[in-house]
Amino acid sequence: MAIEGTTDEAELLAAVTELGTALRELVAVSVTTTVGAAELRAAAAQAREAAAGLAVSRRSRDQLPVLDDPVRFRRVYNPVSGVGSAVAPPLVFRREDGGVVAEATLGLQYEGPPSYVHGGVSALLMDQLLGSAALAAGLWGMTARLELDYRRPVPLETALVLRAAVSETVGRRVVVTGSIALAEAPERPLVEARGVFVTPRPAVSAEYFGAITDATGRHSPPGRPSDATEVADGG
């Protein structure tokens, strides 16, 4: 598949992934570095110069990135799973035991209480995981309710396992439950979550997403608008 007539899709995806990786490395080191003020200002100047170079061509909020594929639920800048996102871990979800599972080790850029993950980050990860579990079950919808029970703080720089599975479906409504636990103790949840996802009616979907275009600017509202992430086969 050619993109803008010159760049191959695989080449562009590789470049987006490379930039995303570099940005994540920069974000991670920026919150752990102990260099002095002069070094920090020099780095800030370099970052602004790079940002200015990238800003010469930008998409609008209603325009999908050229690499996104709503049908396959590929979102390259998703803040949890997007390979091009500077804030994503990023997580890869796979099918396992009737649901989905992912592993993560979160660095200090996700810190809330000293040495522990910010509670809002846990909510972000679980919202994405629960939605992807619905997708893996052949269902989809937008988050209508998200409830979390924080049993114990989630430690940073520690291997974690995240799990989710559909527990109930009624019409357009899907209920999904999940958890975050230490990889070494997966049966002892640190965080438990329950999400309700609702498939919007066609008229509501048109109201929310009717202005969306593809990367060329062509009117292209997604048929299944969702921020859920594609799920890989287990293995």
Protein backbone atom coordinates (compact mmCIF):
# COMPACT_ATOMS: atom_id res chain seq x y z
CA MET A 1 0.00 0.00 0.00
CA ALA A 2 1.49 3.34 -1.04
CA ILE A 3 1.03 6.39 1.18
CA GLU A 4 1.00 9.88 -0.42
CA GLY A 5 2.46 8.25 -3.53
CA THR A 6 5.99 8.03 -2.17
CA THR A 7 6.24 6.35 1.21
CA ASP A 8 5.56 2.68 1.72
CA GLU A 9 3.22 1.88 4.62
CA ALA A 10 5.73 -0.46 6.29
CA GLU A 11 8.45 2.18 6.05
CA LEU A 12 6.21 4.86 7.53
CA LEU A 13 5.07 2.55 10.33
CA ALA A 14 8.71 1.75 11.12
CA ALA A 15 9.53 5.48 11.23
CA VAL A 16 6.52 6.25 13.46
CA THR A 17 7.54 3.40 15.77
CA GLU A 18 11.14 4.64 15.87
CA LEU A 19 10.06 8.18 16.75
CA GLY A 20 7.60 6.92 19.36
CA THR A 21 10.32 4.79 20.95
CA ALA A 22 12.75 7.72 21.01
CA LEU A 23 10.14 10.01 22.55
CA ARG A 24 9.30 7.46 25.25
CA GLU A 25 13.00 7.18 26.05
CA LEU A 26 13.20 10.98 26.28
CA VAL A 27 10.15 11.21 28.54
CA ALA A 28 11.50 8.45 30.79
CA VAL A 29 14.94 9.99 31.18
CA SER A 30 13.50 13.50 31.61
CA VAL A 31 11.87 12.50 34.91
CA THR A 32 14.92 10.65 36.25
CA THR A 33 17.83 12.84 35.11
CA THR A 34 19.80 14.78 37.69
CA VAL A 35 21.79 16.98 35.29
CA GLY A 36 22.04 20.72 35.96
CA ALA A 37 20.02 23.67 34.68
CA ALA A 38 22.29 24.36 31.70
CA GLU A 39 21.93 20.80 30.38
CA LEU A 40 18.16 20.91 30.89
CA ARG A 41 17.83 24.17 28.95
CA ALA A 42 19.96 22.80 26.12
CA ALA A 43 17.75 19.71 25.92
CA ALA A 44 14.63 21.90 25.94
CA ALA A 45 15.98 23.89 23.01
CA GLN A 46 16.67 20.71 21.06
CA ALA A 47 13.19 19.39 21.82
CA ARG A 48 11.59 22.65 20.62
CA GLU A 49 13.64 22.55 17.42
CA ALA A 50 12.50 18.97 16.72
CA ALA A 51 8.88 19.93 17.45
CA ALA A 52 9.06 22.84 15.04
CA GLY A 53 10.32 20.54 12.29
CA LEU A 54 7.44 18.11 12.80
CA ALA A 55 4.83 20.88 13.00
CA VAL A 56 5.21 21.92 9.35
CA SER A 57 2.57 19.34 8.40
CA ARG A 58 -0.16 18.34 10.85
CA ARG A 59 -3.59 16.69 10.80
CA SER A 60 -6.72 18.12 12.43
CA ARG A 61 -8.59 16.47 15.31
CA ASP A 62 -11.22 15.15 12.88
CA GLN A 63 -8.70 13.56 10.51
CA LEU A 64 -7.52 10.00 11.08
CA PRO A 65 -3.76 9.32 10.96
CA VAL A 66 -2.74 7.71 7.68
CA LEU A 67 -1.70 4.49 9.45
CA ASP A 68 -4.88 4.08 11.50
CA ASP A 69 -7.31 1.34 10.52
CA PRO A 70 -10.60 1.57 12.48
CA VAL A 71 -11.84 -1.72 11.00
CA ARG A 72 -8.82 -3.56 12.45
CA PHE A 73 -8.80 -1.29 15.52
CA ARG A 74 -5.24 -0.20 14.75
CA ARG A 75 -4.57 3.15 16.44
CA VAL A 76 -0.90 4.08 16.19
CA TYR A 77 -1.16 7.02 18.62
CA ASN A 78 -3.37 5.39 21.23
CA PRO A 79 -2.07 6.50 24.69
CA VAL A 80 -1.95 2.89 25.96
CA SER A 81 -1.04 0.74 22.96
CA GLY A 82 0.06 3.15 20.25
CA VAL A 83 3.58 2.53 18.93
CA GLY A 84 3.82 6.20 17.96
CA SER A 85 2.64 7.62 21.27
CA ALA A 86 5.16 9.21 23.62
CA VAL A 87 2.95 8.45 26.64
CA ALA A 88 2.02 4.82 25.86
CA PRO A 89 3.97 1.98 27.57
CA PRO A 90 2.93 0.60 24.90
CA LEU A 91 0.99 -2.53 25.77
CA VAL A 92 0.26 -5.46 23.44
CA PHE A 93 -2.95 -7.33 24.24
CA ARG A 94 -3.41 -11.00 23.35
CA ARG A 95 -6.16 -13.56 23.75
CA GLU A 96 -5.75 -15.98 26.64
CA ASP A 97 -8.09 -18.08 28.82
CA GLY A 98 -11.28 -16.66 27.33
CA GLY A 99 -10.17 -13.03 27.74
CA VAL A 100 -7.20 -10.79 27.09
CA VAL A 101 -3.90 -10.35 28.90
CA ALA A 102 -0.96 -7.95 28.72
CA GLU A 103 2.30 -7.44 30.57
CA ALA A 104 3.81 -4.13 31.59
CA THR A 105 6.65 -2.63 33.57
CA LEU A 106 5.91 1.03 34.21
CA GLY A 107 8.67 3.57 34.69
CA LEU A 108 8.83 6.71 36.81
CA GLN A 109 7.03 8.78 34.18
CA TYR A 110 3.85 7.10 35.49
CA GLU A 111 4.52 7.89 39.15
CA GLY A 112 1.81 9.05 41.55
CA PRO A 113 2.70 8.35 45.18
CA PRO A 114 6.50 8.02 45.48
CA SER A 115 7.60 4.71 43.86
CA TYR A 116 4.04 3.73 42.88
CA VAL A 117 1.89 4.08 39.76
CA HIS A 118 -0.53 7.01 39.58
CA GLY A 119 -4.09 5.82 40.16
CA GLY A 120 -5.26 7.60 37.02
CA VAL A 121 -2.74 5.63 34.97
CA SER A 122 -4.18 2.39 36.33
CA ALA A 123 -7.63 3.60 35.26
CA LEU A 124 -6.33 4.46 31.78
CA LEU A 125 -4.77 1.03 31.34
CA MET A 126 -7.84 -0.80 32.60
CA ASP A 127 -10.24 1.20 30.41
CA GLN A 128 -8.21 0.17 27.37
CA LEU A 129 -7.85 -3.43 28.50
CA LEU A 130 -11.56 -3.88 29.24
CA GLY A 131 -12.52 -2.39 25.89
CA SER A 132 -10.10 -4.70 24.12
CA ALA A 133 -11.56 -7.70 25.96
CA ALA A 134 -14.98 -6.76 24.59
CA LEU A 135 -13.46 -6.48 21.12
CA ALA A 136 -11.79 -9.89 21.45
CA ALA A 137 -15.22 -11.36 22.23
CA GLY A 138 -16.61 -9.92 19.00
CA LEU A 139 -18.28 -7.00 20.77
CA TRP A 140 -17.51 -3.31 20.99
CA GLY A 141 -18.76 -0.13 22.53
CA MET A 142 -17.86 3.13 24.22
CA THR A 143 -17.13 3.35 27.93
CA ALA A 144 -20.31 4.22 29.83
CA ARG A 145 -19.04 3.40 33.33
CA LEU A 146 -15.66 2.48 34.78
CA GLU A 147 -15.27 1.38 38.40
CA LEU A 148 -11.96 0.58 40.09
CA ASP A 149 -11.11 -0.88 43.47
CA TYR A 150 -7.53 -0.07 44.48
CA ARG A 151 -6.58 -2.97 46.77
CA ARG A 152 -2.89 -2.13 47.08
CA PRO A 153 -0.59 0.39 45.38
CA VAL A 154 0.92 -0.70 42.07
CA PRO A 155 4.73 -0.56 42.22
CA LEU A 156 6.82 1.10 39.52
CA GLU A 157 9.62 -0.69 37.68
CA THR A 158 8.03 -4.03 38.55
CA ALA A 159 6.67 -6.67 36.17
CA LEU A 160 2.87 -6.52 36.07
CA VAL A 161 0.18 -8.62 34.44
CA LEU A 162 -3.18 -7.19 33.33
CA ARG A 163 -6.19 -9.39 32.60
CA ALA A 164 -9.78 -8.81 31.48
CA ALA A 165 -12.77 -10.80 30.22
CA VAL A 166 -16.41 -10.21 29.33
CA SER A 167 -18.73 -11.13 32.19
CA GLU A 168 -22.14 -10.11 30.85
CA THR A 169 -23.85 -8.97 27.64
CA VAL A 170 -27.36 -7.53 27.33
CA GLY A 171 -28.36 -5.97 24.03
CA ARG A 172 -26.02 -3.05 23.30
CA ARG A 173 -24.52 -3.27 26.79
CA VAL A 174 -21.36 -5.24 27.65
CA VAL A 175 -19.90 -5.69 31.13
CA VAL A 176 -16.19 -6.49 31.40
CA THR A 177 -14.07 -7.13 34.49
CA GLY A 178 -10.31 -7.08 34.87
CA SER A 179 -7.34 -6.68 37.16
CA ILE A 180 -3.75 -5.54 37.55
CA ALA A 181 -1.44 -7.78 39.56
CA LEU A 182 2.21 -8.50 40.07
CA ALA A 183 3.51 -10.91 37.43
CA GLU A 184 4.91 -13.04 40.23
CA ALA A 185 1.53 -13.14 42.01
CA PRO A 186 -1.12 -12.93 39.26
CA GLU A 187 -3.93 -14.27 41.46
CA ARG A 188 -3.63 -11.43 44.00
CA PRO A 189 -5.05 -8.30 42.31
CA LEU A 190 -3.64 -4.91 43.20
CA VAL A 191 -6.40 -3.21 41.19
CA GLU A 192 -9.77 -4.63 40.18
CA ALA A 193 -11.93 -3.00 37.52
CA ARG A 194 -15.43 -3.28 36.12
CA GLY A 195 -16.47 -1.49 32.96
CA VAL A 196 -19.77 -1.06 31.16
CA PHE A 197 -19.49 -0.49 27.42
CA VAL A 198 -22.43 0.52 25.23
CA THR A 199 -22.66 0.39 21.45
CA PRO A 200 -24.04 3.79 20.39
CA ARG A 201 -27.17 3.89 18.28
CA PRO A 202 -26.56 4.88 14.63
CA ALA A 203 -27.90 8.41 15.13
CA VAL A 204 -25.68 8.95 18.16
CA SER A 205 -22.66 7.53 16.37
CA ALA A 206 -23.30 9.89 13.46
CA GLU A 207 -23.50 12.83 15.87
CA TYR A 208 -20.19 11.92 17.53
CA PHE A 209 -18.17 10.82 14.51
CA GLY A 210 -19.91 12.20 11.42
CA ALA A 211 -17.15 14.77 10.79
CA ILE A 212 -14.30 12.24 10.71
CA THR A 213 -12.23 12.06 7.54
CA ASP A 214 -9.48 9.75 6.40
CA ALA A 215 -5.89 10.89 5.97
CA THR A 216 -6.64 12.38 2.53
CA GLY A 217 -9.48 14.53 3.88
CA ARG A 218 -12.22 12.34 2.43
CA HIS A 219 -15.35 12.06 4.57
CA SER A 220 -14.96 8.68 6.26
CA PRO A 221 -16.88 8.22 9.54
CA PRO A 222 -15.86 4.87 11.09
CA GLY A 223 -18.50 2.17 11.05
CA ARG A 224 -17.40 0.91 14.45
CA PRO A 225 -16.05 3.96 16.29
CA SER A 226 -14.06 2.74 19.27
CA ASP A 227 -10.70 3.34 20.95
CA ALA A 228 -10.30 -0.37 21.64
CA THR A 229 -7.04 -1.97 20.54
CA GLU A 230 -6.67 -4.89 18.19
CA VAL A 231 -5.88 -8.10 20.06
CA ALA A 232 -3.19 -10.52 18.94
CA ASP A 233 -3.61 -14.27 19.08
CA GLY A 234 -2.08 -15.87 22.17
CA GLY A 235 1.22 -17.62 22.08
